[in-house]
């Protein structure tokens, strides 16, 4: 998620102290999960990402995995976690896959910042999702965003997103340090 405080000032809403949030991609975990399964099934036998994809789909081989995919409802986010676990276990293909996925998310975020005309502004990009625990994914996001928007700071939220949503629903204005 992208938190841009400067956009509020630009829109003449500075006194309300709102935060404009844009989703860089809808459900990036879902998209990365489906892609992880595809990359995993193409990976060499024995690679952690390949074996994780087979295990995830409950399949003995690629043919059975493809059949399982046809009947799969929504493997999305959980499959992305499987790729992160493979990368954490030392699989270089899974790490590379997550790095490239992070660069893609960073590019999408930077495009949103440029679209708002804030690429030269000091702003904070806040990420929210368990998948960002992957240093490979997060590193790609940070590197791309900071290259495209040198004054941007990429960080986790200052408080849990559910608390922010509850306060916003209650009509409370947040005053952050």
N, C-alpha and C. Protein backbone atom coordinates (compact mmCIF):
# COMPACT_ATOMS: atom_id res chain seq x y z
N UNK A 1 0.82 -1.16 0.00
CA UNK A 1 0.00 0.00 0.00
C UNK A 1 0.87 1.24 0.00
N UNK A 2 0.34 2.27 -0.52
CA UNK A 2 1.11 3.49 -0.66
C UNK A 2 0.45 4.57 0.18
N UNK A 3 1.17 5.09 1.16
CA UNK A 3 0.63 6.18 1.96
C UNK A 3 1.28 7.47 1.53
N UNK A 4 0.51 8.43 1.09
CA UNK A 4 1.06 9.67 0.57
C UNK A 4 0.42 10.83 1.30
N UNK A 5 1.13 11.40 2.26
CA UNK A 5 0.59 12.52 3.02
C UNK A 5 0.58 13.80 2.20
N UNK A 6 1.58 13.95 1.32
CA UNK A 6 1.68 15.17 0.53
C UNK A 6 0.47 15.37 -0.38
N UNK A 7 -0.14 14.27 -0.82
CA UNK A 7 -1.30 14.38 -1.71
C UNK A 7 -2.46 15.09 -1.01
N UNK A 8 -2.59 14.88 0.29
CA UNK A 8 -3.66 15.54 1.03
C UNK A 8 -3.44 17.05 1.06
N UNK A 9 -2.20 17.46 1.29
CA UNK A 9 -1.89 18.89 1.30
C UNK A 9 -2.15 19.48 -0.08
N UNK A 10 -1.75 18.76 -1.10
CA UNK A 10 -1.92 19.23 -2.47
C UNK A 10 -3.39 19.41 -2.83
N UNK A 11 -4.23 18.55 -2.26
CA UNK A 11 -5.66 18.61 -2.56
C UNK A 11 -6.39 19.61 -1.66
N UNK A 12 -5.63 20.33 -0.81
CA UNK A 12 -6.25 21.32 0.07
C UNK A 12 -6.90 20.71 1.29
N UNK A 13 -6.47 19.52 1.67
CA UNK A 13 -7.06 18.84 2.82
C UNK A 13 -6.09 18.74 3.99
N UNK A 14 -5.11 19.64 4.04
CA UNK A 14 -4.05 19.54 5.04
C UNK A 14 -4.58 19.55 6.47
N UNK A 15 -5.62 20.31 6.74
CA UNK A 15 -6.14 20.38 8.10
C UNK A 15 -6.77 19.09 8.58
N UNK A 16 -7.19 18.24 7.66
CA UNK A 16 -7.82 16.98 8.04
C UNK A 16 -6.80 15.87 8.29
N UNK A 17 -5.55 16.07 7.84
CA UNK A 17 -4.48 15.11 8.01
C UNK A 17 -4.84 13.71 7.51
N UNK A 18 -5.47 13.58 6.36
CA UNK A 18 -5.80 12.25 5.85
C UNK A 18 -4.59 11.62 5.16
N UNK A 19 -4.66 10.36 4.94
CA UNK A 19 -3.63 9.63 4.20
C UNK A 19 -4.29 9.03 2.98
N UNK A 20 -3.74 9.33 1.82
CA UNK A 20 -4.24 8.75 0.58
C UNK A 20 -3.59 7.39 0.41
N UNK A 21 -4.39 6.37 0.24
CA UNK A 21 -3.83 5.03 0.09
C UNK A 21 -4.24 4.48 -1.27
N UNK A 22 -3.27 4.04 -1.99
CA UNK A 22 -3.52 3.42 -3.28
C UNK A 22 -2.96 2.00 -3.25
N UNK A 23 -3.69 1.07 -3.76
CA UNK A 23 -3.15 -0.29 -3.87
C UNK A 23 -2.28 -0.33 -5.11
N UNK A 24 -1.03 -0.70 -4.92
CA UNK A 24 -0.11 -0.79 -6.05
C UNK A 24 -0.58 -1.88 -7.01
N UNK A 25 -1.04 -2.95 -6.50
CA UNK A 25 -1.62 -4.02 -7.30
C UNK A 25 -2.74 -4.65 -6.48
N UNK A 26 -3.86 -4.99 -7.10
CA UNK A 26 -4.87 -5.69 -6.32
C UNK A 26 -4.37 -7.10 -6.01
N UNK A 27 -4.36 -7.44 -4.75
CA UNK A 27 -3.99 -8.78 -4.30
C UNK A 27 -2.66 -9.27 -4.88
N UNK A 28 -1.55 -8.60 -4.60
CA UNK A 28 -0.28 -9.05 -5.15
C UNK A 28 0.09 -10.46 -4.70
N UNK A 29 -0.34 -10.86 -3.51
CA UNK A 29 -0.06 -12.22 -3.05
C UNK A 29 -0.72 -13.27 -3.93
N UNK A 30 -1.94 -12.97 -4.36
CA UNK A 30 -2.66 -13.88 -5.24
C UNK A 30 -1.93 -14.03 -6.57
N UNK A 31 -1.55 -12.92 -7.15
CA UNK A 31 -0.86 -12.95 -8.44
C UNK A 31 0.50 -13.65 -8.33
N UNK A 32 1.25 -13.31 -7.28
CA UNK A 32 2.53 -13.96 -7.08
C UNK A 32 2.37 -15.45 -6.81
N UNK A 33 1.32 -15.83 -6.11
CA UNK A 33 1.08 -17.24 -5.82
C UNK A 33 0.85 -18.06 -7.07
N UNK A 34 -0.02 -17.59 -7.93
CA UNK A 34 -0.27 -18.31 -9.19
C UNK A 34 1.01 -18.39 -10.01
N UNK A 35 1.75 -17.31 -10.07
CA UNK A 35 2.99 -17.31 -10.85
C UNK A 35 4.02 -18.23 -10.22
N UNK A 36 4.10 -18.26 -8.89
CA UNK A 36 5.04 -19.15 -8.21
C UNK A 36 4.77 -20.60 -8.57
N UNK A 37 3.51 -20.98 -8.63
CA UNK A 37 3.18 -22.35 -9.01
C UNK A 37 3.66 -22.65 -10.43
N UNK A 38 3.44 -21.72 -11.35
CA UNK A 38 3.89 -21.93 -12.72
C UNK A 38 5.40 -22.04 -12.82
N UNK A 39 6.11 -21.15 -12.14
CA UNK A 39 7.58 -21.19 -12.15
C UNK A 39 8.05 -22.48 -11.47
N UNK A 40 7.41 -22.82 -10.37
CA UNK A 40 7.79 -24.04 -9.64
C UNK A 40 7.63 -25.29 -10.48
N UNK A 41 6.56 -25.37 -11.24
CA UNK A 41 6.34 -26.56 -12.06
C UNK A 41 7.31 -26.63 -13.23
N UNK A 42 7.89 -25.51 -13.62
CA UNK A 42 8.89 -25.49 -14.69
C UNK A 42 10.31 -25.65 -14.15
N UNK A 43 10.47 -25.54 -12.84
CA UNK A 43 11.79 -25.64 -12.22
C UNK A 43 12.31 -27.08 -12.31
N UNK A 44 13.61 -27.25 -12.20
CA UNK A 44 14.17 -28.61 -12.25
C UNK A 44 13.68 -29.46 -11.08
N UNK A 45 13.57 -30.77 -11.33
CA UNK A 45 13.22 -31.70 -10.25
C UNK A 45 14.23 -31.54 -9.13
N UNK A 46 13.75 -31.56 -7.91
CA UNK A 46 14.63 -31.45 -6.77
C UNK A 46 14.76 -30.03 -6.23
N UNK A 47 14.47 -29.03 -7.07
CA UNK A 47 14.50 -27.64 -6.59
C UNK A 47 13.39 -27.46 -5.57
N UNK A 48 13.67 -26.71 -4.52
CA UNK A 48 12.68 -26.53 -3.45
C UNK A 48 11.37 -25.94 -3.98
N UNK A 49 11.45 -25.00 -4.92
CA UNK A 49 10.24 -24.40 -5.47
C UNK A 49 9.42 -25.43 -6.25
N UNK A 50 10.11 -26.31 -6.98
CA UNK A 50 9.42 -27.37 -7.73
C UNK A 50 8.73 -28.34 -6.77
N UNK A 51 9.49 -28.82 -5.80
CA UNK A 51 8.94 -29.78 -4.84
C UNK A 51 7.83 -29.13 -4.01
N UNK A 52 7.99 -27.87 -3.64
CA UNK A 52 6.96 -27.17 -2.89
C UNK A 52 5.67 -27.03 -3.70
N UNK A 53 5.81 -26.77 -5.00
CA UNK A 53 4.63 -26.64 -5.87
C UNK A 53 3.89 -27.98 -5.96
N UNK A 54 4.64 -29.06 -6.13
CA UNK A 54 4.00 -30.38 -6.19
C UNK A 54 3.30 -30.69 -4.87
N UNK A 55 3.98 -30.45 -3.76
CA UNK A 55 3.40 -30.70 -2.44
C UNK A 55 2.14 -29.84 -2.24
N UNK A 56 2.25 -28.58 -2.62
CA UNK A 56 1.13 -27.65 -2.45
C UNK A 56 -0.11 -28.14 -3.19
N UNK A 57 0.12 -28.67 -4.40
CA UNK A 57 -1.00 -29.14 -5.22
C UNK A 57 -1.37 -30.59 -4.93
N UNK A 58 -0.63 -31.25 -4.04
CA UNK A 58 -0.90 -32.64 -3.71
C UNK A 58 -0.70 -33.55 -4.90
N UNK A 59 0.33 -33.28 -5.68
CA UNK A 59 0.57 -34.01 -6.92
C UNK A 59 1.93 -34.71 -6.88
N UNK A 60 2.02 -35.84 -7.56
CA UNK A 60 3.26 -36.61 -7.61
C UNK A 60 4.19 -36.12 -8.71
N UNK A 61 3.63 -35.53 -9.75
CA UNK A 61 4.45 -35.08 -10.88
C UNK A 61 3.78 -33.89 -11.57
N UNK A 62 4.43 -33.39 -12.63
CA UNK A 62 3.91 -32.20 -13.32
C UNK A 62 2.54 -32.43 -13.95
N UNK A 63 2.34 -33.61 -14.52
CA UNK A 63 1.06 -33.90 -15.17
C UNK A 63 -0.07 -33.87 -14.14
N UNK A 64 0.15 -34.53 -13.02
CA UNK A 64 -0.87 -34.52 -11.95
C UNK A 64 -1.06 -33.10 -11.41
N UNK A 65 0.02 -32.31 -11.34
CA UNK A 65 -0.08 -30.93 -10.85
C UNK A 65 -0.94 -30.09 -11.79
N UNK A 66 -0.75 -30.24 -13.08
CA UNK A 66 -1.57 -29.49 -14.05
C UNK A 66 -3.04 -29.87 -13.93
N UNK A 67 -3.31 -31.16 -13.70
CA UNK A 67 -4.69 -31.59 -13.51
C UNK A 67 -5.26 -30.99 -12.22
N UNK A 68 -4.45 -30.95 -11.19
CA UNK A 68 -4.90 -30.36 -9.93
C UNK A 68 -5.17 -28.87 -10.09
N UNK A 69 -4.36 -28.19 -10.88
CA UNK A 69 -4.56 -26.76 -11.10
C UNK A 69 -5.89 -26.48 -11.79
N UNK A 70 -6.31 -27.36 -12.68
CA UNK A 70 -7.58 -27.16 -13.36
C UNK A 70 -8.74 -27.15 -12.37
N UNK A 71 -8.63 -27.91 -11.31
CA UNK A 71 -9.71 -27.98 -10.33
C UNK A 71 -9.49 -27.07 -9.13
N UNK A 72 -8.36 -26.39 -9.12
CA UNK A 72 -8.04 -25.53 -7.96
C UNK A 72 -8.95 -24.32 -7.96
N UNK A 73 -9.48 -24.02 -6.80
CA UNK A 73 -10.31 -22.83 -6.68
C UNK A 73 -9.46 -21.57 -6.69
N UNK A 74 -8.67 -21.37 -5.65
CA UNK A 74 -7.89 -20.16 -5.51
C UNK A 74 -6.61 -20.45 -4.71
N UNK A 75 -5.57 -20.93 -5.38
CA UNK A 75 -4.33 -21.23 -4.66
C UNK A 75 -3.56 -19.99 -4.24
N UNK A 76 -3.75 -18.91 -4.90
CA UNK A 76 -3.11 -17.62 -4.69
C UNK A 76 -2.15 -17.40 -3.55
N UNK A 77 -2.60 -16.72 -2.50
CA UNK A 77 -1.72 -16.23 -1.44
C UNK A 77 -0.89 -17.34 -0.79
N UNK A 78 -1.51 -18.47 -0.51
CA UNK A 78 -0.78 -19.55 0.14
C UNK A 78 0.36 -20.06 -0.72
N UNK A 79 0.19 -20.07 -2.01
CA UNK A 79 1.27 -20.50 -2.90
C UNK A 79 2.41 -19.50 -2.88
N UNK A 80 2.12 -18.22 -2.72
CA UNK A 80 3.17 -17.22 -2.59
C UNK A 80 3.98 -17.46 -1.33
N UNK A 81 3.30 -17.84 -0.25
CA UNK A 81 4.02 -18.17 0.99
C UNK A 81 4.93 -19.37 0.78
N UNK A 82 4.46 -20.36 0.00
CA UNK A 82 5.27 -21.53 -0.31
C UNK A 82 6.56 -21.09 -1.01
N UNK A 83 6.48 -20.14 -1.93
CA UNK A 83 7.67 -19.64 -2.62
C UNK A 83 8.60 -18.93 -1.65
N UNK A 84 8.03 -18.16 -0.72
CA UNK A 84 8.85 -17.46 0.28
C UNK A 84 9.57 -18.46 1.18
N UNK A 85 8.90 -19.55 1.53
CA UNK A 85 9.54 -20.58 2.35
C UNK A 85 10.66 -21.26 1.58
N UNK A 86 10.46 -21.50 0.29
CA UNK A 86 11.51 -22.12 -0.53
C UNK A 86 12.72 -21.19 -0.62
N UNK A 87 12.47 -19.89 -0.78
CA UNK A 87 13.57 -18.91 -0.84
C UNK A 87 14.31 -18.86 0.48
N UNK A 88 13.56 -18.84 1.58
CA UNK A 88 14.19 -18.81 2.91
C UNK A 88 15.01 -20.06 3.15
N UNK A 89 14.62 -21.17 2.52
CA UNK A 89 15.36 -22.42 2.65
C UNK A 89 16.58 -22.50 1.74
N UNK A 90 16.82 -21.45 0.96
CA UNK A 90 18.02 -21.41 0.14
C UNK A 90 17.82 -21.69 -1.34
N UNK A 91 16.58 -21.80 -1.81
CA UNK A 91 16.35 -22.05 -3.24
C UNK A 91 16.62 -20.76 -4.02
N UNK A 92 17.67 -20.74 -4.86
CA UNK A 92 17.99 -19.50 -5.58
C UNK A 92 16.93 -19.11 -6.60
N UNK A 93 16.25 -20.09 -7.19
CA UNK A 93 15.19 -19.76 -8.16
C UNK A 93 14.02 -19.08 -7.46
N UNK A 94 13.64 -19.58 -6.29
CA UNK A 94 12.54 -18.95 -5.54
C UNK A 94 12.94 -17.54 -5.12
N UNK A 95 14.20 -17.38 -4.68
CA UNK A 95 14.67 -16.04 -4.28
C UNK A 95 14.64 -15.09 -5.47
N UNK A 96 15.09 -15.56 -6.63
CA UNK A 96 15.08 -14.72 -7.83
C UNK A 96 13.65 -14.38 -8.23
N UNK A 97 12.77 -15.35 -8.18
CA UNK A 97 11.36 -15.13 -8.51
C UNK A 97 10.77 -14.03 -7.61
N UNK A 98 11.01 -14.12 -6.30
CA UNK A 98 10.47 -13.12 -5.38
C UNK A 98 11.12 -11.76 -5.59
N UNK A 99 12.39 -11.74 -5.91
CA UNK A 99 13.08 -10.47 -6.18
C UNK A 99 12.43 -9.78 -7.38
N UNK A 100 12.21 -10.52 -8.45
CA UNK A 100 11.57 -9.96 -9.65
C UNK A 100 10.14 -9.53 -9.34
N UNK A 101 9.43 -10.33 -8.54
CA UNK A 101 8.08 -9.94 -8.13
C UNK A 101 8.10 -8.64 -7.34
N UNK A 102 9.09 -8.48 -6.47
CA UNK A 102 9.23 -7.24 -5.71
C UNK A 102 9.53 -6.06 -6.61
N UNK A 103 10.38 -6.27 -7.61
CA UNK A 103 10.66 -5.18 -8.56
C UNK A 103 9.40 -4.78 -9.31
N UNK A 104 8.57 -5.77 -9.66
CA UNK A 104 7.31 -5.45 -10.36
C UNK A 104 6.37 -4.66 -9.45
N UNK A 105 6.27 -5.04 -8.19
CA UNK A 105 5.44 -4.28 -7.25
C UNK A 105 6.00 -2.88 -7.05
N UNK A 106 7.32 -2.77 -6.98
CA UNK A 106 7.96 -1.46 -6.86
C UNK A 106 7.69 -0.59 -8.07
N UNK A 107 7.73 -1.20 -9.26
CA UNK A 107 7.45 -0.44 -10.48
C UNK A 107 6.01 0.06 -10.49
N UNK A 108 5.08 -0.77 -10.04
CA UNK A 108 3.68 -0.37 -9.98
C UNK A 108 3.48 0.77 -8.98
N UNK A 109 4.15 0.68 -7.85
CA UNK A 109 4.06 1.74 -6.83
C UNK A 109 4.66 3.03 -7.36
N UNK A 110 5.84 2.94 -7.99
CA UNK A 110 6.48 4.14 -8.54
C UNK A 110 5.62 4.77 -9.63
N UNK A 111 4.94 3.95 -10.42
CA UNK A 111 4.05 4.49 -11.45
C UNK A 111 2.90 5.27 -10.82
N UNK A 112 2.35 4.76 -9.71
CA UNK A 112 1.28 5.48 -9.01
C UNK A 112 1.80 6.81 -8.46
N UNK A 113 3.00 6.80 -7.92
CA UNK A 113 3.59 8.03 -7.38
C UNK A 113 3.81 9.05 -8.50
N UNK A 114 4.35 8.59 -9.64
CA UNK A 114 4.56 9.49 -10.78
C UNK A 114 3.23 10.03 -11.30
N UNK A 115 2.21 9.18 -11.34
CA UNK A 115 0.89 9.60 -11.82
C UNK A 115 0.33 10.73 -10.95
N UNK A 116 0.62 10.67 -9.66
CA UNK A 116 0.17 11.72 -8.74
C UNK A 116 1.08 12.95 -8.78
N UNK A 117 2.18 12.85 -9.53
CA UNK A 117 3.12 13.97 -9.62
C UNK A 117 3.96 14.14 -8.37
N UNK A 118 4.16 13.06 -7.62
CA UNK A 118 4.86 13.15 -6.35
C UNK A 118 6.23 12.48 -6.36
N UNK A 119 6.74 12.16 -7.56
CA UNK A 119 8.01 11.44 -7.62
C UNK A 119 9.18 12.26 -7.09
N UNK A 120 9.06 13.57 -7.01
CA UNK A 120 10.12 14.40 -6.45
C UNK A 120 9.86 14.81 -5.01
N UNK A 121 8.76 14.32 -4.44
CA UNK A 121 8.38 14.72 -3.07
C UNK A 121 8.91 13.73 -2.04
N UNK A 122 9.08 14.22 -0.83
CA UNK A 122 9.41 13.33 0.29
C UNK A 122 8.10 12.66 0.70
N UNK A 123 8.04 11.36 0.60
CA UNK A 123 6.82 10.64 0.94
C UNK A 123 7.16 9.31 1.59
N UNK A 124 6.16 8.71 2.19
CA UNK A 124 6.31 7.43 2.85
C UNK A 124 5.48 6.39 2.12
N UNK A 125 6.12 5.30 1.75
CA UNK A 125 5.44 4.17 1.13
C UNK A 125 5.34 3.10 2.22
N UNK A 126 4.12 2.70 2.52
CA UNK A 126 3.88 1.74 3.59
C UNK A 126 3.41 0.43 2.98
N UNK A 127 4.06 -0.66 3.35
CA UNK A 127 3.67 -1.97 2.85
C UNK A 127 2.91 -2.74 3.93
N UNK A 128 1.88 -3.46 3.50
CA UNK A 128 1.04 -4.19 4.44
C UNK A 128 0.72 -5.55 3.83
N UNK A 129 1.34 -6.59 4.33
CA UNK A 129 1.02 -7.97 3.96
C UNK A 129 2.11 -8.86 4.53
N UNK A 130 1.73 -10.06 4.91
CA UNK A 130 2.71 -11.00 5.47
C UNK A 130 3.78 -11.37 4.45
N UNK A 131 3.43 -11.30 3.18
CA UNK A 131 4.38 -11.67 2.13
C UNK A 131 5.61 -10.76 2.14
N UNK A 132 5.48 -9.54 2.65
CA UNK A 132 6.61 -8.62 2.69
C UNK A 132 7.66 -9.03 3.73
N UNK A 133 7.40 -10.10 4.47
CA UNK A 133 8.43 -10.64 5.37
C UNK A 133 9.57 -11.26 4.57
N UNK A 134 9.31 -11.57 3.32
CA UNK A 134 10.36 -12.12 2.45
C UNK A 134 11.35 -11.01 2.12
N UNK A 135 12.62 -11.15 2.54
CA UNK A 135 13.59 -10.10 2.24
C UNK A 135 13.83 -9.95 0.73
N UNK A 136 13.65 -11.02 -0.03
CA UNK A 136 13.83 -10.93 -1.48
C UNK A 136 12.75 -10.06 -2.11
N UNK A 137 11.50 -10.29 -1.72
CA UNK A 137 10.38 -9.50 -2.25
C UNK A 137 10.49 -8.04 -1.81
N UNK A 138 10.67 -7.83 -0.52
CA UNK A 138 10.74 -6.47 0.01
C UNK A 138 11.94 -5.72 -0.56
N UNK A 139 13.06 -6.40 -0.72
CA UNK A 139 14.25 -5.76 -1.29
C UNK A 139 14.00 -5.25 -2.69
N UNK A 140 13.27 -6.02 -3.51
CA UNK A 140 12.93 -5.57 -4.85
C UNK A 140 12.04 -4.34 -4.84
N UNK A 141 11.05 -4.33 -3.95
CA UNK A 141 10.16 -3.17 -3.84
C UNK A 141 10.95 -1.93 -3.43
N UNK A 142 11.74 -2.06 -2.37
CA UNK A 142 12.50 -0.92 -1.85
C UNK A 142 13.46 -0.38 -2.91
N UNK A 143 14.20 -1.27 -3.55
CA UNK A 143 15.19 -0.83 -4.54
C UNK A 143 14.54 -0.06 -5.69
N UNK A 144 13.41 -0.57 -6.20
CA UNK A 144 12.78 0.10 -7.34
C UNK A 144 12.17 1.42 -6.92
N UNK A 145 11.45 1.43 -5.81
CA UNK A 145 10.78 2.66 -5.37
C UNK A 145 11.82 3.74 -5.08
N UNK A 146 12.89 3.38 -4.38
CA UNK A 146 13.89 4.40 -4.04
C UNK A 146 14.69 4.86 -5.25
N UNK A 147 14.85 4.01 -6.25
CA UNK A 147 15.52 4.44 -7.48
C UNK A 147 14.64 5.41 -8.27
N UNK A 148 13.33 5.13 -8.29
CA UNK A 148 12.40 5.97 -9.05
C UNK A 148 12.01 7.24 -8.28
N UNK A 149 11.97 7.16 -6.97
CA UNK A 149 11.54 8.26 -6.12
C UNK A 149 12.56 8.41 -4.99
N UNK A 150 13.67 9.10 -5.24
CA UNK A 150 14.79 9.13 -4.29
C UNK A 150 14.44 9.64 -2.89
N UNK A 151 13.41 10.43 -2.74
CA UNK A 151 13.07 10.96 -1.42
C UNK A 151 12.06 10.06 -0.68
N UNK A 152 11.67 8.96 -1.30
CA UNK A 152 10.69 8.06 -0.69
C UNK A 152 11.35 7.21 0.40
N UNK A 153 10.58 6.96 1.44
CA UNK A 153 10.98 6.05 2.50
C UNK A 153 9.98 4.90 2.49
N UNK A 154 10.48 3.67 2.43
CA UNK A 154 9.62 2.50 2.43
C UNK A 154 9.70 1.88 3.81
N UNK A 155 8.53 1.68 4.44
CA UNK A 155 8.52 1.18 5.81
C UNK A 155 7.23 0.44 6.11
N UNK A 156 7.23 -0.36 7.20
CA UNK A 156 5.98 -0.98 7.63
C UNK A 156 5.10 0.08 8.27
N UNK A 157 3.82 -0.20 8.46
CA UNK A 157 2.93 0.79 9.08
C UNK A 157 3.33 1.05 10.53
N UNK A 158 2.99 2.23 11.03
CA UNK A 158 3.31 2.58 12.41
C UNK A 158 2.37 1.90 13.41
N UNK A 159 1.22 1.46 12.93
CA UNK A 159 0.28 0.74 13.78
C UNK A 159 -0.43 -0.30 12.91
N UNK A 160 -1.04 -1.31 13.52
CA UNK A 160 -1.71 -2.35 12.73
C UNK A 160 -2.79 -1.77 11.83
N UNK A 161 -2.86 -2.24 10.57
CA UNK A 161 -3.86 -1.73 9.63
C UNK A 161 -5.29 -1.85 10.15
N UNK A 162 -5.60 -2.89 10.91
CA UNK A 162 -6.97 -3.04 11.44
C UNK A 162 -7.31 -1.91 12.41
N UNK A 163 -6.33 -1.47 13.19
CA UNK A 163 -6.56 -0.36 14.11
C UNK A 163 -6.80 0.94 13.34
N UNK A 164 -6.02 1.17 12.30
CA UNK A 164 -6.20 2.36 11.46
C UNK A 164 -7.60 2.35 10.85
N UNK A 165 -8.03 1.20 10.34
CA UNK A 165 -9.35 1.09 9.73
C UNK A 165 -10.45 1.35 10.76
N UNK A 166 -10.28 0.82 11.97
CA UNK A 166 -11.29 1.03 13.01
C UNK A 166 -11.37 2.50 13.41
N UNK A 167 -10.22 3.15 13.54
CA UNK A 167 -10.22 4.58 13.87
C UNK A 167 -10.85 5.41 12.76
N UNK A 168 -10.53 5.05 11.51
CA UNK A 168 -11.11 5.79 10.38
C UNK A 168 -12.62 5.61 10.35
N UNK A 169 -13.09 4.39 10.64
CA UNK A 169 -14.52 4.11 10.65
C UNK A 169 -15.21 4.92 11.75
N UNK A 170 -14.51 5.10 12.86
CA UNK A 170 -15.07 5.86 13.97
C UNK A 170 -14.97 7.38 13.74
N UNK A 171 -14.34 7.79 12.64
CA UNK A 171 -14.25 9.19 12.30
C UNK A 171 -13.13 9.92 13.04
N UNK A 172 -12.18 9.20 13.57
CA UNK A 172 -11.08 9.81 14.30
C UNK A 172 -9.99 10.25 13.35
N UNK A 173 -9.39 11.36 13.62
CA UNK A 173 -8.25 11.85 12.85
C UNK A 173 -6.98 11.38 13.54
N UNK A 174 -6.06 10.85 12.78
CA UNK A 174 -4.81 10.37 13.34
C UNK A 174 -3.76 11.46 13.31
N UNK A 175 -3.14 11.71 14.42
CA UNK A 175 -2.02 12.64 14.50
C UNK A 175 -0.77 11.82 14.77
N UNK A 176 0.05 11.65 13.76
CA UNK A 176 1.24 10.83 13.89
C UNK A 176 2.46 11.72 14.05
N UNK A 177 3.50 11.18 14.75
CA UNK A 177 4.71 11.99 14.95
C UNK A 177 5.40 12.33 13.65
